[in-house]
Amino acid sequence: MDVESLLNPAGESHALMEASDKEIYQSVIDSIVAHENIEINGGDDVDEDIPIEPHPTQCDVLKAVSTINRYIDDRNDPITRKFEAILGSFKWQLRLEATTSLKETVITDFFQKS
């Protein structure tokens, strides 16, 4: 194999010869229009009509972890035990985040002065 055949493979050079000037021009124009539309529309291909599903709450996630733990309690293989440990760590991390985000209050905050 020589350098010429590596730089210009037969299949690629044949495809270039078949494309007419009009086809090449139309491809370039289509690319420019698509690039301009991305800038105008913000580049999002997201359908605006589809409602966005909200993220689950911390309570929902803790319920899911509890459900998964109940399911895997009866299984006894190494992967299940590792998964159980990871879920336990995740549950601990969620509770730690909840605890650290609490705001300190005093009892008088709950009573209104008349």
PDB file of N, CA and C in Angstrom:
ATOM      1  N   MET A   1       0.846  -1.169   0.000  1.00  0.00           N
ATOM      2  CA  MET A   1       0.000   0.000   0.000  1.00  0.00           C
ATOM      3  C   MET A   1       0.899   1.242   0.000  1.00  0.00           C
ATOM      4  N   ASP A   2       0.604   2.158  -0.897  1.00  0.00           N
ATOM      5  CA  ASP A   2       1.421   3.361  -0.972  1.00  0.00           C
ATOM      6  C   ASP A   2       0.734   4.529  -0.279  1.00  0.00           C
ATOM      7  N   VAL A   3       1.440   5.614  -0.143  1.00  0.00           N
ATOM      8  CA  VAL A   3       0.940   6.793   0.562  1.00  0.00           C
ATOM      9  C   VAL A   3      -0.265   7.397  -0.158  1.00  0.00           C
ATOM     10  N   GLU A   4      -0.234   7.387  -1.474  1.00  0.00           N
ATOM     11  CA  GLU A   4      -1.341   7.955  -2.266  1.00  0.00           C
ATOM     12  C   GLU A   4      -2.658   7.240  -1.982  1.00  0.00           C
ATOM     13  N   SER A   5      -2.620   5.927  -1.884  1.00  0.00           N
ATOM     14  CA  SER A   5      -3.852   5.178  -1.620  1.00  0.00           C
ATOM     15  C   SER A   5      -4.331   5.382  -0.184  1.00  0.00           C
ATOM     16  N   LEU A   6      -3.412   5.652   0.752  1.00  0.00           N
ATOM     17  CA  LEU A   6      -3.815   5.946   2.121  1.00  0.00           C
ATOM     18  C   LEU A   6      -4.460   7.331   2.240  1.00  0.00           C
ATOM     19  N   LEU A   7      -3.888   8.307   1.536  1.00  0.00           N
ATOM     20  CA  LEU A   7      -4.406   9.672   1.603  1.00  0.00           C
ATOM     21  C   LEU A   7      -5.690   9.848   0.810  1.00  0.00           C
ATOM     22  N   ASN A   8      -5.835   9.134  -0.280  1.00  0.00           N
ATOM     23  CA  ASN A   8      -7.016   9.253  -1.143  1.00  0.00           C
ATOM     24  C   ASN A   8      -7.595   7.872  -1.404  1.00  0.00           C
ATOM     25  N   PRO A   9      -8.361   7.311  -0.450  1.00  0.00           N
ATOM     26  CA  PRO A   9      -8.950   5.988  -0.663  1.00  0.00           C
ATOM     27  C   PRO A   9      -9.880   6.001  -1.875  1.00  0.00           C
ATOM     28  N   ALA A  10      -9.961   4.879  -2.547  1.00  0.00           N
ATOM     29  CA  ALA A  10     -10.729   4.790  -3.786  1.00  0.00           C
ATOM     30  C   ALA A  10     -12.205   5.115  -3.562  1.00  0.00           C
ATOM     31  N   GLY A  11     -12.806   4.645  -2.486  1.00  0.00           N
ATOM     32  CA  GLY A  11     -14.228   4.887  -2.226  1.00  0.00           C
ATOM     33  C   GLY A  11     -14.540   6.353  -1.993  1.00  0.00           C
ATOM     34  N   GLU A  12     -13.657   7.060  -1.312  1.00  0.00           N
ATOM     35  CA  GLU A  12     -13.893   8.466  -1.017  1.00  0.00           C
ATOM     36  C   GLU A  12     -13.700   9.339  -2.237  1.00  0.00           C
ATOM     37  N   SER A  13     -12.674   9.088  -3.010  1.00  0.00           N
ATOM     38  CA  SER A  13     -12.433   9.919  -4.189  1.00  0.00           C
ATOM     39  C   SER A  13     -13.526   9.704  -5.224  1.00  0.00           C
ATOM     40  N   HIS A  14     -14.062   8.492  -5.319  1.00  0.00           N
ATOM     41  CA  HIS A  14     -15.151   8.211  -6.252  1.00  0.00           C
ATOM     42  C   HIS A  14     -16.415   8.963  -5.844  1.00  0.00           C
ATOM     43  N   ALA A  15     -16.709   9.034  -4.532  1.00  0.00           N
ATOM     44  CA  ALA A  15     -17.901   9.740  -4.054  1.00  0.00           C
ATOM     45  C   ALA A  15     -17.795  11.230  -4.323  1.00  0.00           C
ATOM     46  N   LEU A  16     -16.594  11.794  -4.234  1.00  0.00           N
ATOM     47  CA  LEU A  16     -16.405  13.214  -4.513  1.00  0.00           C
ATOM     48  C   LEU A  16     -16.616  13.526  -5.984  1.00  0.00           C
ATOM     49  N   MET A  17     -16.230  12.624  -6.839  1.00  0.00           N
ATOM     50  CA  MET A  17     -16.385  12.859  -8.276  1.00  0.00           C
ATOM     51  C   MET A  17     -17.853  12.834  -8.678  1.00  0.00           C
ATOM     52  N   GLU A  18     -18.697  12.077  -7.964  1.00  0.00           N
ATOM     53  CA  GLU A  18     -20.107  11.971  -8.308  1.00  0.00           C
ATOM     54  C   GLU A  18     -20.902  13.192  -7.866  1.00  0.00           C
ATOM     55  N   ALA A  19     -20.449  13.932  -6.869  1.00  0.00           N
ATOM     56  CA  ALA A  19     -21.180  15.098  -6.368  1.00  0.00           C
ATOM     57  C   ALA A  19     -21.007  16.261  -7.330  1.00  0.00           C
ATOM     58  N   SER A  20     -22.130  16.840  -7.699  1.00  0.00           N
ATOM     59  CA  SER A  20     -22.063  17.982  -8.615  1.00  0.00           C
ATOM     60  C   SER A  20     -21.822  19.261  -7.827  1.00  0.00           C
ATOM     61  N   ASP A  21     -21.492  20.312  -8.527  1.00  0.00           N
ATOM     62  CA  ASP A  21     -21.275  21.605  -7.891  1.00  0.00           C
ATOM     63  C   ASP A  21     -22.539  22.086  -7.194  1.00  0.00           C
ATOM     64  N   LYS A  22     -23.704  21.829  -7.800  1.00  0.00           N
ATOM     65  CA  LYS A  22     -24.971  22.244  -7.186  1.00  0.00           C
ATOM     66  C   LYS A  22     -25.206  21.525  -5.866  1.00  0.00           C
ATOM     67  N   GLU A  23     -24.900  20.228  -5.809  1.00  0.00           N
ATOM     68  CA  GLU A  23     -25.085  19.463  -4.576  1.00  0.00           C
ATOM     69  C   GLU A  23     -24.153  19.958  -3.482  1.00  0.00           C
ATOM     70  N   ILE A  24     -22.917  20.235  -3.840  1.00  0.00           N
ATOM     71  CA  ILE A  24     -21.957  20.749  -2.866  1.00  0.00           C
ATOM     72  C   ILE A  24     -22.408  22.109  -2.365  1.00  0.00           C
ATOM     73  N   TYR A  25     -22.830  22.979  -3.282  1.00  0.00           N
ATOM     74  CA  TYR A  25     -23.314  24.305  -2.909  1.00  0.00           C
ATOM     75  C   TYR A  25     -24.516  24.195  -1.975  1.00  0.00           C
ATOM     76  N   GLN A  26     -25.473  23.318  -2.304  1.00  0.00           N
ATOM     77  CA  GLN A  26     -26.681  23.164  -1.479  1.00  0.00           C
ATOM     78  C   GLN A  26     -26.326  22.634  -0.088  1.00  0.00           C
ATOM     79  N   SER A  27     -25.363  21.736  -0.008  1.00  0.00           N
ATOM     80  CA  SER A  27     -24.929  21.214   1.297  1.00  0.00           C
ATOM     81  C   SER A  27     -24.316  22.308   2.156  1.00  0.00           C
ATOM     82  N   VAL A  28     -23.507  23.167   1.529  1.00  0.00           N
ATOM     83  CA  VAL A  28     -22.889  24.268   2.264  1.00  0.00           C
ATOM     84  C   VAL A  28     -23.954  25.239   2.749  1.00  0.00           C
ATOM     85  N   ILE A  29     -24.913  25.604   1.890  1.00  0.00           N
ATOM     86  CA  ILE A  29     -25.987  26.525   2.262  1.00  0.00           C
ATOM     87  C   ILE A  29     -26.842  25.921   3.383  1.00  0.00           C
ATOM     88  N   ASP A  30     -27.178  24.640   3.283  1.00  0.00           N
ATOM     89  CA  ASP A  30     -27.959  23.980   4.338  1.00  0.00           C
ATOM     90  C   ASP A  30     -27.220  24.017   5.674  1.00  0.00           C
ATOM     91  N   SER A  31     -25.909  23.812   5.621  1.00  0.00           N
ATOM     92  CA  SER A  31     -25.111  23.853   6.843  1.00  0.00           C
ATOM     93  C   SER A  31     -25.109  25.245   7.457  1.00  0.00           C
ATOM     94  N   ILE A  32     -24.977  26.272   6.618  1.00  0.00           N
ATOM     95  CA  ILE A  32     -24.983  27.656   7.119  1.00  0.00           C
ATOM     96  C   ILE A  32     -26.331  27.990   7.745  1.00  0.00           C
ATOM     97  N   VAL A  33     -27.424  27.616   7.076  1.00  0.00           N
ATOM     98  CA  VAL A  33     -28.770  27.892   7.600  1.00  0.00           C
ATOM     99  C   VAL A  33     -28.980  27.165   8.922  1.00  0.00           C
ATOM    100  N   ALA A  34     -28.546  25.909   9.003  1.00  0.00           N
ATOM    101  CA  ALA A  34     -28.701  25.151  10.247  1.00  0.00           C
ATOM    102  C   ALA A  34     -27.895  25.793  11.368  1.00  0.00           C
ATOM    103  N   HIS A  35     -26.694  26.268  11.061  1.00  0.00           N
ATOM    104  CA  HIS A  35     -25.857  26.920  12.072  1.00  0.00           C
ATOM    105  C   HIS A  35     -26.510  28.214  12.562  1.00  0.00           C
ATOM    106  N   GLU A  36     -27.100  28.982  11.649  1.00  0.00           N
ATOM    107  CA  GLU A  36     -27.788  30.218  12.037  1.00  0.00           C
ATOM    108  C   GLU A  36     -29.021  29.912  12.880  1.00  0.00           C
ATOM    109  N   ASN A  37     -29.746  28.873  12.553  1.00  0.00           N
ATOM    110  CA  ASN A  37     -30.939  28.507  13.320  1.00  0.00           C
ATOM    111  C   ASN A  37     -30.585  28.055  14.721  1.00  0.00           C
ATOM    112  N   ILE A  38     -29.441  27.427  14.885  1.00  0.00           N
ATOM    113  CA  ILE A  38     -29.002  27.023  16.223  1.00  0.00           C
ATOM    114  C   ILE A  38     -28.782  28.255  17.080  1.00  0.00           C
ATOM    115  N   GLU A  39     -28.143  29.279  16.510  1.00  0.00           N
ATOM    116  CA  GLU A  39     -27.884  30.499  17.267  1.00  0.00           C
ATOM    117  C   GLU A  39     -29.178  31.242  17.579  1.00  0.00           C
ATOM    118  N   ILE A  40     -30.113  31.266  16.643  1.00  0.00           N
ATOM    119  CA  ILE A  40     -31.385  31.973  16.842  1.00  0.00           C
ATOM    120  C   ILE A  40     -32.244  31.253  17.877  1.00  0.00           C
ATOM    121  N   ASN A  41     -32.335  29.950  17.766  1.00  0.00           N
ATOM    122  CA  ASN A  41     -33.212  29.170  18.644  1.00  0.00           C
ATOM    123  C   ASN A  41     -32.544  28.743  19.933  1.00  0.00           C
ATOM    124  N   GLY A  42     -31.323  29.072  20.118  1.00  0.00           N
ATOM    125  CA  GLY A  42     -30.629  28.698  21.338  1.00  0.00           C
ATOM    126  C   GLY A  42     -30.057  27.302  21.308  1.00  0.00           C
ATOM    127  N   GLY A  43     -30.188  26.604  20.204  1.00  0.00           N
ATOM    128  CA  GLY A  43     -29.586  25.296  20.068  1.00  0.00           C
ATOM    129  C   GLY A  43     -30.328  24.179  20.771  1.00  0.00           C
ATOM    130  N   ASP A  44     -31.518  24.436  21.290  1.00  0.00           N
ATOM    131  CA  ASP A  44     -32.259  23.396  21.993  1.00  0.00           C
ATOM    132  C   ASP A  44     -33.153  22.647  21.020  1.00  0.00           C
ATOM    133  N   ASP A  45     -33.097  21.340  21.091  1.00  0.00           N
ATOM    134  CA  ASP A  45     -34.011  20.502  20.327  1.00  0.00           C
ATOM    135  C   ASP A  45     -35.086  19.933  21.238  1.00  0.00           C
ATOM    136  N   VAL A  46     -35.263  20.533  22.398  1.00  0.00           N
ATOM    137  CA  VAL A  46     -36.231  20.046  23.374  1.00  0.00           C
ATOM    138  C   VAL A  46     -37.622  20.502  22.962  1.00  0.00           C
ATOM    139  N   ASP A  47     -38.553  19.584  22.981  1.00  0.00           N
ATOM    140  CA  ASP A  47     -39.932  19.916  22.648  1.00  0.00           C
ATOM    141  C   ASP A  47     -40.551  20.660  23.819  1.00  0.00           C
ATOM    142  N   GLU A  48     -41.010  21.856  23.576  1.00  0.00           N
ATOM    143  CA  GLU A  48     -41.544  22.720  24.633  1.00  0.00           C
ATOM    144  C   GLU A  48     -42.882  22.203  25.178  1.00  0.00           C
ATOM    145  N   ASP A  49     -43.602  21.387  24.397  1.00  0.00           N
ATOM    146  CA  ASP A  49     -44.929  20.933  24.805  1.00  0.00           C
ATOM    147  C   ASP A  49     -44.882  19.816  25.841  1.00  0.00           C
ATOM    148  N   ILE A  50     -43.772  19.119  25.927  1.00  0.00           N
ATOM    149  CA  ILE A  50     -43.662  18.003  26.859  1.00  0.00           C
ATOM    150  C   ILE A  50     -43.380  18.560  28.256  1.00  0.00           C
ATOM    151  N   PRO A  51     -44.227  18.220  29.230  1.00  0.00           N
ATOM    152  CA  PRO A  51     -43.980  18.734  30.587  1.00  0.00           C
ATOM    153  C   PRO A  51     -42.715  18.110  31.176  1.00  0.00           C
ATOM    154  N   ILE A  52     -41.966  18.925  31.882  1.00  0.00           N
ATOM    155  CA  ILE A  52     -40.738  18.455  32.503  1.00  0.00           C
ATOM    156  C   ILE A  52     -41.092  17.805  33.835  1.00  0.00           C
ATOM    157  N   GLU A  53     -40.626  16.588  34.010  1.00  0.00           N
ATOM    158  CA  GLU A  53     -40.907  15.858  35.243  1.00  0.00           C
ATOM    159  C   GLU A  53     -40.006  16.398  36.354  1.00  0.00           C
ATOM    160  N   PRO A  54     -40.606  16.772  37.487  1.00  0.00           N
ATOM    161  CA  PRO A  54     -39.784  17.309  38.581  1.00  0.00           C
ATOM    162  C   PRO A  54     -38.910  16.223  39.198  1.00  0.00           C
ATOM    163  N   HIS A  55     -37.790  16.651  39.772  1.00  0.00           N
ATOM    164  CA  HIS A  55     -36.907  15.712  40.446  1.00  0.00           C
ATOM    165  C   HIS A  55     -37.598  15.156  41.678  1.00  0.00           C
ATOM    166  N   PRO A  56     -37.309  13.907  42.018  1.00  0.00           N
ATOM    167  CA  PRO A  56     -37.909  13.349  43.230  1.00  0.00           C
ATOM    168  C   PRO A  56     -37.403  14.079  44.468  1.00  0.00           C
ATOM    169  N   THR A  57     -38.244  14.138  45.466  1.00  0.00           N
ATOM    170  CA  THR A  57     -37.856  14.778  46.718  1.00  0.00           C
ATOM    171  C   THR A  57     -36.949  13.833  47.507  1.00  0.00           C
ATOM    172  N   GLN A  58     -36.333  14.372  48.536  1.00  0.00           N
ATOM    173  CA  GLN A  58     -35.470  13.556  49.379  1.00  0.00           C
ATOM    174  C   GLN A  58     -36.286  12.447  50.044  1.00  0.00           C
ATOM    175  N   CYS A  59     -37.495  12.767  50.426  1.00  0.00           N
ATOM    176  CA  CYS A  59     -38.368  11.765  51.045  1.00  0.00           C
ATOM    177  C   CYS A  59     -38.662  10.620  50.070  1.00  0.00           C
ATOM    178  N   ASP A  60     -38.920  10.959  48.791  1.00  0.00           N
ATOM    179  CA  ASP A  60     -39.174   9.925  47.785  1.00  0.00           C
ATOM    180  C   ASP A  60     -37.963   9.018  47.609  1.00  0.00           C
ATOM    181  N   VAL A  61     -36.779   9.599  47.604  1.00  0.00           N
ATOM    182  CA  VAL A  61     -35.557   8.818  47.435  1.00  0.00           C
ATOM    183  C   VAL A  61     -35.340   7.902  48.633  1.00  0.00           C
ATOM    184  N   LEU A  62     -35.577   8.410  49.836  1.00  0.00           N
ATOM    185  CA  LEU A  62     -35.411   7.574  51.027  1.00  0.00           C
ATOM    186  C   LEU A  62     -36.411   6.421  51.033  1.00  0.00           C
ATOM    187  N   LYS A  63     -37.629   6.660  50.555  1.00  0.00           N
ATOM    188  CA  LYS A  63     -38.617   5.580  50.442  1.00  0.00           C
ATOM    189  C   LYS A  63     -38.147   4.529  49.435  1.00  0.00           C
ATOM    190  N   ALA A  64     -37.582   4.994  48.322  1.00  0.00           N
ATOM    191  CA  ALA A  64     -37.091   4.056  47.300  1.00  0.00           C
ATOM    192  C   ALA A  64     -35.942   3.215  47.853  1.00  0.00           C
ATOM    193  N   VAL A  65     -35.035   3.841  48.577  1.00  0.00           N
ATOM    194  CA  VAL A  65     -33.912   3.109  49.186  1.00  0.00           C
ATOM    195  C   VAL A  65     -34.442   2.060  50.159  1.00  0.00           C
ATOM    196  N   SER A  66     -35.435   2.434  50.946  1.00  0.00           N
ATOM    197  CA  SER A  66     -36.021   1.490  51.901  1.00  0.00           C
ATOM    198  C   SER A  66     -36.676   0.317  51.180  1.00  0.00           C
ATOM    199  N   THR A  67     -37.368   0.607  50.094  1.00  0.00           N
ATOM    200  CA  THR A  67     -38.018  -0.454  49.319  1.00  0.00           C
ATOM    201  C   THR A  67     -36.981  -1.396  48.720  1.00  0.00           C
ATOM    202  N   ILE A  68     -35.920  -0.854  48.174  1.00  0.00           N
ATOM    203  CA  ILE A  68     -34.868  -1.690  47.588  1.00  0.00           C
ATOM    204  C   ILE A  68     -34.197  -2.526  48.670  1.00  0.00           C
ATOM    205  N   ASN A  69     -33.962  -1.941  49.829  1.00  0.00           N
ATOM    206  CA  ASN A  69     -33.350  -2.695  50.929  1.00  0.00           C
ATOM    207  C   ASN A  69     -34.231  -3.852  51.363  1.00  0.00           C
ATOM    208  N   ARG A  70     -35.543  -3.642  51.431  1.00  0.00           N
ATOM    209  CA  ARG A  70     -36.465  -4.738  51.789  1.00  0.00           C
ATOM    210  C   ARG A  70     -36.411  -5.847  50.743  1.00  0.00           C
ATOM    211  N   TYR A  71     -36.269  -5.468  49.476  1.00  0.00           N
ATOM    212  CA  TYR A  71     -36.214  -6.464  48.406  1.00  0.00           C
ATOM    213  C   TYR A  71     -34.940  -7.302  48.488  1.00  0.00           C
ATOM    214  N   ILE A  72     -33.808  -6.658  48.751  1.00  0.00           N
ATOM    215  CA  ILE A  72     -32.542  -7.394  48.712  1.00  0.00           C
ATOM    216  C   ILE A  72     -32.194  -8.055  50.040  1.00  0.00           C
ATOM    217  N   ASP A  73     -33.017  -7.878  51.071  1.00  0.00           N
ATOM    218  CA  ASP A  73     -32.745  -8.520  52.362  1.00  0.00           C
ATOM    219  C   ASP A  73     -32.662 -10.043  52.247  1.00  0.00           C
ATOM    220  N   ASP A  74     -33.465 -10.645  51.386  1.00  0.00           N
ATOM    221  CA  ASP A  74     -33.511 -12.102  51.261  1.00  0.00           C
ATOM    222  C   ASP A  74     -32.394 -12.659  50.389  1.00  0.00           C
ATOM    223  N   ARG A  75     -31.732 -11.828  49.655  1.00  0.00           N
ATOM    224  CA  ARG A  75     -30.663 -12.296  48.768  1.00  0.00           C
ATOM    225  C   ARG A  75     -29.350 -12.326  49.545  1.00  0.00           C
ATOM    226  N   ASN A  76     -28.506 -13.273  49.202  1.00  0.00           N
ATOM    227  CA  ASN A  76     -27.250 -13.398  49.926  1.00  0.00           C
ATOM    228  C   ASN A  76     -26.115 -13.699  48.952  1.00  0.00           C
ATOM    229  N   ASP A  77     -25.739 -12.693  48.183  1.00  0.00           N
ATOM    230  CA  ASP A  77     -24.576 -12.829  47.319  1.00  0.00           C
ATOM    231  C   ASP A  77     -23.707 -11.575  47.460  1.00  0.00           C
ATOM    232  N   PRO A  78     -22.465 -11.642  47.067  1.00  0.00           N
ATOM    233  CA  PRO A  78     -21.544 -10.524  47.305  1.00  0.00           C
ATOM    234  C   PRO A  78     -21.980  -9.206  46.648  1.00  0.00           C
ATOM    235  N   ILE A  79     -22.519  -9.279  45.457  1.00  0.00           N
ATOM    236  CA  ILE A  79     -22.936  -8.044  44.775  1.00  0.00           C
ATOM    237  C   ILE A  79     -24.084  -7.384  45.533  1.00  0.00           C
ATOM    238  N   THR A  80     -25.001  -8.183  46.023  1.00  0.00           N
ATOM    239  CA  THR A  80     -26.120  -7.637  46.784  1.00  0.00           C
ATOM    240  C   THR A  80     -25.630  -6.959  48.052  1.00  0.00           C
ATOM    241  N   ARG A  81     -24.676  -7.567  48.716  1.00  0.00           N
ATOM    242  CA  ARG A  81     -24.135  -6.969  49.938  1.00  0.00           C
ATOM    243  C   ARG A  81     -23.427  -5.646  49.645  1.00  0.00           C
ATOM    244  N   LYS A  82     -22.678  -5.580  48.523  1.00  0.00           N
ATOM    245  CA  LYS A  82     -22.025  -4.328  48.140  1.00  0.00           C
ATOM    246  C   LYS A  82     -23.063  -3.252  47.829  1.00  0.00           C
ATOM    247  N   PHE A  83     -24.107  -3.653  47.112  1.00  0.00           N
ATOM    248  CA  PHE A  83     -25.171  -2.717  46.768  1.00  0.00           C
ATOM    249  C   PHE A  83     -25.870  -2.211  48.028  1.00  0.00           C
ATOM    250  N   GLU A  84     -26.083  -3.112  48.962  1.00  0.00           N
ATOM    251  CA  GLU A  84     -26.704  -2.731  50.227  1.00  0.00           C
ATOM    252  C   GLU A  84     -25.828  -1.728  50.983  1.00  0.00           C
ATOM    253  N   ALA A  85     -24.517  -1.943  50.957  1.00  0.00           N
ATOM    254  CA  ALA A  85     -23.593  -1.014  51.619  1.00  0.00           C
ATOM    255  C   ALA A  85     -23.606   0.358  50.933  1.00  0.00           C
ATOM    256  N   ILE A  86     -23.654   0.366  49.613  1.00  0.00           N
ATOM    257  CA  ILE A  86     -23.697   1.631  48.870  1.00  0.00           C
ATOM    258  C   ILE A  86     -24.998   2.369  49.175  1.00  0.00           C
ATOM    259  N   LEU A  87     -26.105   1.648  49.193  1.00  0.00           N
ATOM    260  CA  LEU A  87     -27.388   2.279  49.520  1.00  0.00           C
ATOM    261  C   LEU A  87     -27.378   2.826  50.939  1.00  0.00           C
ATOM    262  N   GLY A  88     -26.766   2.087  51.867  1.00  0.00           N
ATOM    263  CA  GLY A  88     -26.673   2.564  53.246  1.00  0.00           C
ATOM    264  C   GLY A  88     -25.865   3.849  53.328  1.00  0.00           C
ATOM    265  N   SER A  89     -24.751   3.907  52.588  1.00  0.00           N
ATOM    266  CA  SER A  89     -23.929   5.121  52.566  1.00  0.00           C
ATOM    267  C   SER A  89     -24.697   6.289  51.948  1.00  0.00           C
ATOM    268  N   PHE A  90     -25.433   5.995  50.901  1.00  0.00           N
ATOM    269  CA  PHE A  90     -26.214   7.042  50.237  1.00  0.00           C
ATOM    270  C   PHE A  90     -27.305   7.571  51.169  1.00  0.00           C
ATOM    271  N   LYS A  91     -27.976   6.670  51.862  1.00  0.00           N
ATOM    272  CA  LYS A  91     -29.016   7.067  52.807  1.00  0.00           C
ATOM    273  C   LYS A  91     -28.416   7.914  53.928  1.00  0.00           C
ATOM    274  N   TRP A  92     -27.261   7.515  54.417  1.00  0.00           N
ATOM    275  CA  TRP A  92     -26.575   8.267  55.476  1.00  0.00           C
ATOM    276  C   TRP A  92     -26.213   9.663  54.979  1.00  0.00           C
ATOM    277  N   GLN A  93     -25.709   9.755  53.734  1.00  0.00           N
ATOM    278  CA  GLN A  93     -25.325  11.046  53.162  1.00  0.00           C
ATOM    279  C   GLN A  93     -26.542  11.957  53.010  1.00  0.00           C
ATOM    280  N   LEU A  94     -27.669  11.402  52.564  1.00  0.00           N
ATOM    281  CA  LEU A  94     -28.886  12.205  52.425  1.00  0.00           C
ATOM    282  C   LEU A  94     -29.348  12.753  53.773  1.00  0.00           C
ATOM    283  N   ARG A  95     -29.309  11.910  54.789  1.00  0.00           N
ATOM    284  CA  ARG A  95     -29.729  12.362  56.120  1.00  0.00           C
ATOM    285  C   ARG A  95     -28.756  13.396  56.691  1.00  0.00           C
ATOM    286  N   LEU A  96     -27.465  13.231  56.415  1.00  0.00           N
ATOM    287  CA  LEU A  96     -26.469  14.207  56.863  1.00  0.00           C
ATOM    288  C   LEU A  96     -26.710  15.562  56.201  1.00  0.00           C
ATOM    289  N   GLU A  97     -26.978  15.557  54.898  1.00  0.00           N
ATOM    290  CA  GLU A  97     -27.262  16.803  54.188  1.00  0.00           C
ATOM    291  C   GLU A  97     -28.513  17.476  54.750  1.00  0.00           C
ATOM    292  N   ALA A  98     -29.522  16.683  55.059  1.00  0.00           N
ATOM    293  CA  ALA A  98     -30.747  17.246  55.621  1.00  0.00           C
ATOM    294  C   ALA A  98     -30.487  17.854  56.983  1.00  0.00           C
ATOM    295  N   THR A  99     -29.670  17.191  57.778  1.00  0.00           N
ATOM    296  CA  THR A  99     -29.371  17.680  59.116  1.00  0.00           C
ATOM    297  C   THR A  99     -28.551  18.965  59.067  1.00  0.00           C
ATOM    298  N   THR A 100     -27.574  19.016  58.178  1.00  0.00           N
ATOM    299  CA  THR A 100     -26.724  20.203  58.110  1.00  0.00           C
ATOM    300  C   THR A 100     -27.431  21.394  57.488  1.00  0.00           C
ATOM    301  N   SER A 101     -28.519  21.165  56.764  1.00  0.00           N
ATOM    302  CA  SER A 101     -29.231  22.281  56.146  1.00  0.00           C
ATOM    303  C   SER A 101     -30.328  22.852  57.052  1.00  0.00           C
ATOM    304  N   LEU A 102     -30.480  22.273  58.238  1.00  0.00           N
ATOM    305  CA  LEU A 102     -31.497  22.780  59.152  1.00  0.00           C
ATOM    306  C   LEU A 102     -31.117  24.159  59.679  1.00  0.00           C
ATOM    307  N   LYS A 103     -32.132  24.955  59.938  1.00  0.00           N
ATOM    308  CA  LYS A 103     -31.909  26.299  60.462  1.00  0.00           C
ATOM    309  C   LYS A 103     -32.179  26.281  61.963  1.00  0.00           C
ATOM    310  N   GLU A 104     -31.295  26.878  62.711  1.00  0.00           N
ATOM    311  CA  GLU A 104     -31.441  26.914  64.161  1.00  0.00           C
ATOM    312  C   GLU A 104     -32.547  27.909  64.532  1.00  0.00           C
ATOM    313  N   THR A 105     -33.426  27.480  65.418  1.00  0.00           N
ATOM    314  CA  THR A 105     -34.521  28.344  65.868  1.00  0.00           C
ATOM    315  C   THR A 105     -34.616  28.323  67.392  1.00  0.00           C
ATOM    316  N   VAL A 106     -35.373  29.247  67.910  1.00  0.00           N
ATOM    317  CA  VAL A 106     -35.665  29.277  69.346  1.00  0.00           C
ATOM    318  C   VAL A 106     -37.182  29.227  69.504  1.00  0.00           C
ATOM    319  N   ILE A 107     -37.636  28.873  70.685  1.00  0.00           N
ATOM    320  CA  ILE A 107     -39.065  28.667  70.912  1.00  0.00           C
ATOM    321  C   ILE A 107     -39.885  29.933  70.670  1.00  0.00           C
ATOM    322  N   THR A 108     -39.288  31.082  70.897  1.00  0.00           N
ATOM    323  CA  THR A 108     -40.039  32.332  70.724  1.00  0.00           C
ATOM    324  C   THR A 108     -40.309  32.639  69.252  1.00  0.00           C
ATOM    325  N   ASP A 109     -39.620  31.971  68.339  1.00  0.00           N
ATOM    326  CA  ASP A 109     -39.878  32.149  66.901  1.00  0.00           C
ATOM    327  C   ASP A 109     -41.280  31.672  66.513  1.00  0.00           C
ATOM    328  N   PHE A 110     -41.872  30.795  67.323  1.00  0.00           N
ATOM    329  CA  PHE A 110     -43.150  30.194  66.968  1.00  0.00           C
ATOM    330  C   PHE A 110     -44.343  30.911  67.589  1.00  0.00           C
ATOM    331  N   PHE A 111     -44.107  31.930  68.359  1.00  0.00           N
ATOM    332  CA  PHE A 111     -45.190  32.666  69.000  1.00  0.00           C
ATOM    333  C   PHE A 111     -45.188  34.105  68.480  1.00  0.00           C
ATOM    334  N   GLN A 112     -46.380  34.612  68.260  1.00  0.00           N
ATOM    335  CA  GLN A 112     -46.498  36.000  67.814  1.00  0.00           C
ATOM    336  C   GLN A 112     -46.735  36.905  69.007  1.00  0.00           C
ATOM    337  N   LYS A 113     -46.125  38.071  68.940  1.00  0.00           N
ATOM    338  CA  LYS A 113     -46.349  39.056  70.018  1.00  0.00           C
ATOM    339  C   LYS A 113     -47.617  39.814  69.710  1.00  0.00           C
ATOM    340  N   SER A 114     -48.431  40.010  70.745  1.00  0.00           N
ATOM    341  CA  SER A 114     -49.694  40.739  70.552  1.00  0.00           C
ATOM    342  C   SER A 114     -49.566  42.171  70.985  1.00  0.00           C
TER     343      SER A 114
END
